Amino acid sequence: MLRFLAAASLALVATPALAESYYAAVPTNAPAKASIVTRSTIWKCNAGTCAAAKAGSRDAIMCELLVREVGPLQRFAVEGAEFDAAALEKCNARARS
C-alpha cells in the first residue's frame, strides 16, 4: 500500500504541468477528454491526471465540480497538499448525486 501511495504521489508531480498547477487530481477512470471546463476553470487531463490553475471557488467546490465531470477521484491536491480521506469522500459523494 505504501509503495502505491508513493508512486501515486510521484504521478501528481512527475509531469511539469502538474507540478506548476494549483489543483491536481487523479480520477478513478481516465477522462475521455483532454480538456474539461468547470464554470470558468479549464482542467487539462493527461495520462490519468487532471490539473488546473487557481480559481475563485473554495477548494472543496473545485473538487466537487471536477467530480461531476469525470466521476470519483482517487486523489485531489491543492498546492501539493492532499485532501484527507474524509474530504475526498465528501467530494466524491457529489459524483453519486
N, C-alpha and C. Protein backbone atom coordinates (compact mmCIF):
# COMPACT_ATOMS: atom_id res chain seq x y z
N MET A 1 0.83 -1.19 0.00
CA MET A 1 0.00 0.00 0.00
C MET A 1 0.87 1.26 0.00
N LEU A 2 1.90 1.27 0.82
CA LEU A 2 2.78 2.44 0.86
C LEU A 2 3.48 2.65 -0.47
N ARG A 3 3.85 1.55 -1.12
CA ARG A 3 4.50 1.66 -2.42
C ARG A 3 3.56 2.31 -3.43
N PHE A 4 2.26 1.93 -3.39
CA PHE A 4 1.27 2.53 -4.28
C PHE A 4 1.14 4.02 -4.00
N LEU A 5 1.05 4.41 -2.73
CA LEU A 5 0.90 5.82 -2.38
C LEU A 5 2.11 6.63 -2.81
N ALA A 6 3.29 6.06 -2.66
CA ALA A 6 4.50 6.77 -3.08
C ALA A 6 4.50 6.95 -4.59
N ALA A 7 4.12 5.92 -5.32
CA ALA A 7 4.07 6.02 -6.78
C ALA A 7 3.01 7.02 -7.21
N ALA A 8 1.86 7.02 -6.54
CA ALA A 8 0.79 7.95 -6.88
C ALA A 8 1.21 9.39 -6.58
N SER A 9 1.95 9.59 -5.50
CA SER A 9 2.45 10.93 -5.18
C SER A 9 3.37 11.42 -6.26
N LEU A 10 4.23 10.56 -6.74
CA LEU A 10 5.13 10.94 -7.82
C LEU A 10 4.36 11.26 -9.09
N ALA A 11 3.27 10.54 -9.32
CA ALA A 11 2.47 10.77 -10.52
C ALA A 11 1.88 12.17 -10.53
N LEU A 12 1.56 12.70 -9.35
CA LEU A 12 0.99 14.04 -9.30
C LEU A 12 2.00 15.12 -9.62
N VAL A 13 3.27 14.89 -9.34
CA VAL A 13 4.27 15.94 -9.58
C VAL A 13 5.25 15.59 -10.68
N ALA A 14 5.15 14.40 -11.24
CA ALA A 14 6.12 13.98 -12.25
C ALA A 14 5.98 14.76 -13.55
N THR A 15 4.77 15.17 -13.88
CA THR A 15 4.54 15.92 -15.10
C THR A 15 4.73 17.40 -14.79
N PRO A 16 5.57 18.12 -15.54
CA PRO A 16 5.80 19.54 -15.26
C PRO A 16 4.53 20.36 -15.17
N ALA A 17 3.55 20.09 -16.02
CA ALA A 17 2.31 20.86 -15.98
C ALA A 17 1.60 20.68 -14.64
N LEU A 18 1.65 19.46 -14.09
CA LEU A 18 1.02 19.22 -12.81
C LEU A 18 1.78 19.88 -11.68
N ALA A 19 3.08 19.87 -11.76
CA ALA A 19 3.89 20.48 -10.71
C ALA A 19 3.63 21.98 -10.64
N GLU A 20 3.29 22.60 -11.77
CA GLU A 20 3.04 24.03 -11.82
C GLU A 20 1.58 24.38 -11.55
N SER A 21 0.72 23.40 -11.43
CA SER A 21 -0.71 23.63 -11.27
C SER A 21 -1.07 23.83 -9.81
N TYR A 22 -2.14 24.56 -9.61
CA TYR A 22 -2.64 24.79 -8.26
C TYR A 22 -3.44 23.57 -7.78
N TYR A 23 -4.28 23.04 -8.68
CA TYR A 23 -5.07 21.85 -8.37
C TYR A 23 -4.54 20.67 -9.17
N ALA A 24 -4.51 19.50 -8.55
CA ALA A 24 -4.14 18.27 -9.25
C ALA A 24 -5.06 17.16 -8.75
N ALA A 25 -5.51 16.33 -9.68
CA ALA A 25 -6.44 15.26 -9.33
C ALA A 25 -6.14 14.00 -10.13
N VAL A 26 -6.46 12.87 -9.52
CA VAL A 26 -6.34 11.59 -10.19
C VAL A 26 -7.72 10.94 -10.18
N PRO A 27 -8.43 11.02 -11.32
CA PRO A 27 -9.74 10.37 -11.41
C PRO A 27 -9.62 8.85 -11.34
N THR A 28 -10.65 8.21 -10.83
CA THR A 28 -10.68 6.75 -10.77
C THR A 28 -10.60 6.17 -12.18
N ASN A 29 -11.31 6.79 -13.11
CA ASN A 29 -11.27 6.38 -14.52
C ASN A 29 -10.75 7.56 -15.33
N ALA A 30 -9.81 7.29 -16.21
CA ALA A 30 -9.22 8.36 -17.03
C ALA A 30 -10.31 9.08 -17.82
N PRO A 31 -10.32 10.41 -17.79
CA PRO A 31 -11.32 11.16 -18.55
C PRO A 31 -11.20 10.92 -20.05
N ALA A 32 -12.32 10.99 -20.73
CA ALA A 32 -12.34 10.81 -22.18
C ALA A 32 -11.79 12.02 -22.91
N LYS A 33 -11.89 13.20 -22.28
CA LYS A 33 -11.45 14.44 -22.91
C LYS A 33 -10.13 14.91 -22.30
N ALA A 34 -9.33 15.60 -23.11
CA ALA A 34 -8.06 16.15 -22.62
C ALA A 34 -8.27 17.48 -21.91
N SER A 35 -9.37 18.17 -22.22
CA SER A 35 -9.70 19.45 -21.57
C SER A 35 -11.13 19.40 -21.07
N ILE A 36 -11.31 19.86 -19.84
CA ILE A 36 -12.63 19.89 -19.22
C ILE A 36 -12.81 21.28 -18.63
N VAL A 37 -13.98 21.86 -18.81
CA VAL A 37 -14.26 23.18 -18.25
C VAL A 37 -15.31 23.03 -17.15
N THR A 38 -14.98 23.53 -15.96
CA THR A 38 -15.93 23.59 -14.86
C THR A 38 -16.07 25.07 -14.50
N ARG A 39 -17.28 25.58 -14.66
CA ARG A 39 -17.52 27.02 -14.53
C ARG A 39 -16.54 27.74 -15.44
N SER A 40 -15.60 28.48 -14.89
CA SER A 40 -14.63 29.18 -15.74
C SER A 40 -13.22 28.61 -15.62
N THR A 41 -13.10 27.41 -15.06
CA THR A 41 -11.80 26.78 -14.87
C THR A 41 -11.56 25.73 -15.94
N ILE A 42 -10.39 25.78 -16.56
CA ILE A 42 -10.01 24.79 -17.56
C ILE A 42 -9.10 23.77 -16.90
N TRP A 43 -9.51 22.52 -16.94
CA TRP A 43 -8.72 21.40 -16.44
C TRP A 43 -8.06 20.73 -17.63
N LYS A 44 -6.79 20.45 -17.53
CA LYS A 44 -6.06 19.69 -18.55
C LYS A 44 -5.81 18.29 -17.99
N CYS A 45 -6.23 17.30 -18.74
CA CYS A 45 -6.08 15.91 -18.29
C CYS A 45 -5.16 15.17 -19.25
N ASN A 46 -4.24 14.41 -18.67
CA ASN A 46 -3.26 13.67 -19.45
C ASN A 46 -2.75 12.51 -18.61
N ALA A 47 -2.68 11.36 -19.19
CA ALA A 47 -2.14 10.17 -18.52
C ALA A 47 -2.81 9.90 -17.18
N GLY A 48 -4.12 10.09 -17.14
CA GLY A 48 -4.88 9.76 -15.94
C GLY A 48 -4.85 10.79 -14.83
N THR A 49 -4.26 11.95 -15.08
CA THR A 49 -4.26 13.02 -14.09
C THR A 49 -4.84 14.29 -14.70
N CYS A 50 -5.44 15.11 -13.85
CA CYS A 50 -6.00 16.38 -14.30
C CYS A 50 -5.42 17.50 -13.46
N ALA A 51 -5.22 18.66 -14.07
CA ALA A 51 -4.63 19.79 -13.37
C ALA A 51 -5.29 21.08 -13.83
N ALA A 52 -5.29 22.07 -12.93
CA ALA A 52 -5.87 23.37 -13.26
C ALA A 52 -5.20 24.46 -12.44
N ALA A 53 -5.30 25.67 -12.95
CA ALA A 53 -4.79 26.84 -12.24
C ALA A 53 -5.76 27.22 -11.13
N LYS A 54 -5.31 28.07 -10.23
CA LYS A 54 -6.15 28.53 -9.13
C LYS A 54 -7.40 29.22 -9.66
N ALA A 55 -8.50 28.97 -8.97
CA ALA A 55 -9.78 29.55 -9.37
C ALA A 55 -10.37 30.32 -8.19
N GLY A 56 -11.50 30.96 -8.41
CA GLY A 56 -12.11 31.79 -7.38
C GLY A 56 -12.96 31.04 -6.38
N SER A 57 -13.23 29.78 -6.60
CA SER A 57 -14.07 29.00 -5.70
C SER A 57 -13.24 28.33 -4.60
N ARG A 58 -13.93 27.94 -3.53
CA ARG A 58 -13.26 27.20 -2.46
C ARG A 58 -12.73 25.87 -3.01
N ASP A 59 -11.70 25.35 -2.38
CA ASP A 59 -11.06 24.11 -2.85
C ASP A 59 -12.04 22.95 -2.90
N ALA A 60 -12.89 22.83 -1.89
CA ALA A 60 -13.86 21.72 -1.87
C ALA A 60 -14.83 21.83 -3.05
N ILE A 61 -15.22 23.04 -3.38
CA ILE A 61 -16.12 23.24 -4.52
C ILE A 61 -15.42 22.85 -5.82
N MET A 62 -14.15 23.22 -5.95
CA MET A 62 -13.39 22.85 -7.15
C MET A 62 -13.35 21.33 -7.31
N CYS A 63 -13.13 20.64 -6.22
CA CYS A 63 -13.11 19.17 -6.26
C CYS A 63 -14.47 18.65 -6.71
N GLU A 64 -15.54 19.16 -6.12
CA GLU A 64 -16.89 18.70 -6.45
C GLU A 64 -17.24 18.98 -7.91
N LEU A 65 -16.83 20.13 -8.42
CA LEU A 65 -17.11 20.45 -9.82
C LEU A 65 -16.41 19.47 -10.76
N LEU A 66 -15.17 19.11 -10.43
CA LEU A 66 -14.44 18.16 -11.26
C LEU A 66 -15.09 16.78 -11.18
N VAL A 67 -15.48 16.37 -9.99
CA VAL A 67 -16.11 15.06 -9.81
C VAL A 67 -17.38 14.95 -10.63
N ARG A 68 -18.13 16.02 -10.74
CA ARG A 68 -19.36 15.99 -11.54
C ARG A 68 -19.06 15.74 -13.02
N GLU A 69 -17.86 16.13 -13.45
CA GLU A 69 -17.48 15.95 -14.86
C GLU A 69 -16.79 14.63 -15.14
N VAL A 70 -15.93 14.16 -14.23
CA VAL A 70 -15.10 12.98 -14.51
C VAL A 70 -15.43 11.77 -13.64
N GLY A 71 -16.30 11.94 -12.65
CA GLY A 71 -16.60 10.84 -11.74
C GLY A 71 -15.67 10.87 -10.54
N PRO A 72 -15.71 9.83 -9.72
CA PRO A 72 -14.93 9.80 -8.47
C PRO A 72 -13.43 9.98 -8.70
N LEU A 73 -12.80 10.56 -7.68
CA LEU A 73 -11.35 10.78 -7.71
C LEU A 73 -10.65 9.86 -6.73
N GLN A 74 -9.46 9.42 -7.10
CA GLN A 74 -8.60 8.68 -6.18
C GLN A 74 -7.85 9.65 -5.28
N ARG A 75 -7.52 10.83 -5.86
CA ARG A 75 -6.73 11.83 -5.13
C ARG A 75 -7.11 13.21 -5.61
N PHE A 76 -6.97 14.18 -4.70
CA PHE A 76 -7.16 15.59 -5.05
C PHE A 76 -6.20 16.38 -4.19
N ALA A 77 -5.43 17.25 -4.82
CA ALA A 77 -4.44 18.05 -4.09
C ALA A 77 -4.57 19.52 -4.47
N VAL A 78 -4.30 20.36 -3.48
CA VAL A 78 -4.30 21.81 -3.66
C VAL A 78 -2.92 22.31 -3.26
N GLU A 79 -2.22 22.87 -4.20
CA GLU A 79 -0.83 23.33 -3.99
C GLU A 79 0.02 22.22 -3.36
N GLY A 80 -0.20 20.99 -3.81
CA GLY A 80 0.58 19.86 -3.33
C GLY A 80 0.07 19.23 -2.03
N ALA A 81 -0.89 19.85 -1.36
CA ALA A 81 -1.46 19.30 -0.12
C ALA A 81 -2.67 18.43 -0.47
N GLU A 82 -2.56 17.16 -0.14
CA GLU A 82 -3.61 16.19 -0.45
C GLU A 82 -4.84 16.39 0.41
N PHE A 83 -6.02 16.21 -0.18
CA PHE A 83 -7.24 16.11 0.61
C PHE A 83 -7.12 14.86 1.46
N ASP A 84 -7.57 14.92 2.72
CA ASP A 84 -7.57 13.71 3.54
C ASP A 84 -8.74 12.82 3.11
N ALA A 85 -8.80 11.62 3.68
CA ALA A 85 -9.81 10.64 3.26
C ALA A 85 -11.23 11.17 3.42
N ALA A 86 -11.51 11.87 4.52
CA ALA A 86 -12.86 12.38 4.77
C ALA A 86 -13.23 13.45 3.75
N ALA A 87 -12.33 14.36 3.45
CA ALA A 87 -12.61 15.42 2.47
C ALA A 87 -12.80 14.83 1.08
N LEU A 88 -11.98 13.84 0.73
CA LEU A 88 -12.10 13.21 -0.59
C LEU A 88 -13.41 12.44 -0.69
N GLU A 89 -13.81 11.76 0.37
CA GLU A 89 -15.08 11.03 0.35
C GLU A 89 -16.25 11.99 0.18
N LYS A 90 -16.21 13.11 0.89
CA LYS A 90 -17.28 14.11 0.77
C LYS A 90 -17.33 14.64 -0.66
N CYS A 91 -16.17 14.90 -1.25
CA CYS A 91 -16.10 15.37 -2.62
C CYS A 91 -16.67 14.31 -3.57
N ASN A 92 -16.24 13.09 -3.41
CA ASN A 92 -16.69 12.00 -4.30
C ASN A 92 -18.18 11.72 -4.18
N ALA A 93 -18.79 12.06 -3.05
CA ALA A 93 -20.22 11.87 -2.88
C ALA A 93 -21.00 12.64 -3.92
N ARG A 94 -20.41 13.73 -4.43
CA ARG A 94 -21.07 14.54 -5.47
C ARG A 94 -21.18 13.77 -6.78
N ALA A 95 -20.32 12.80 -7.01
CA ALA A 95 -20.38 12.00 -8.23
C ALA A 95 -21.61 11.10 -8.20
N ARG A 96 -22.07 10.78 -7.04
CA ARG A 96 -23.22 9.89 -6.88
C ARG A 96 -24.53 10.67 -6.78
N SER A 97 -24.46 12.00 -6.67
CA SER A 97 -25.67 12.80 -6.51
C SER A 97 -26.33 13.08 -7.84
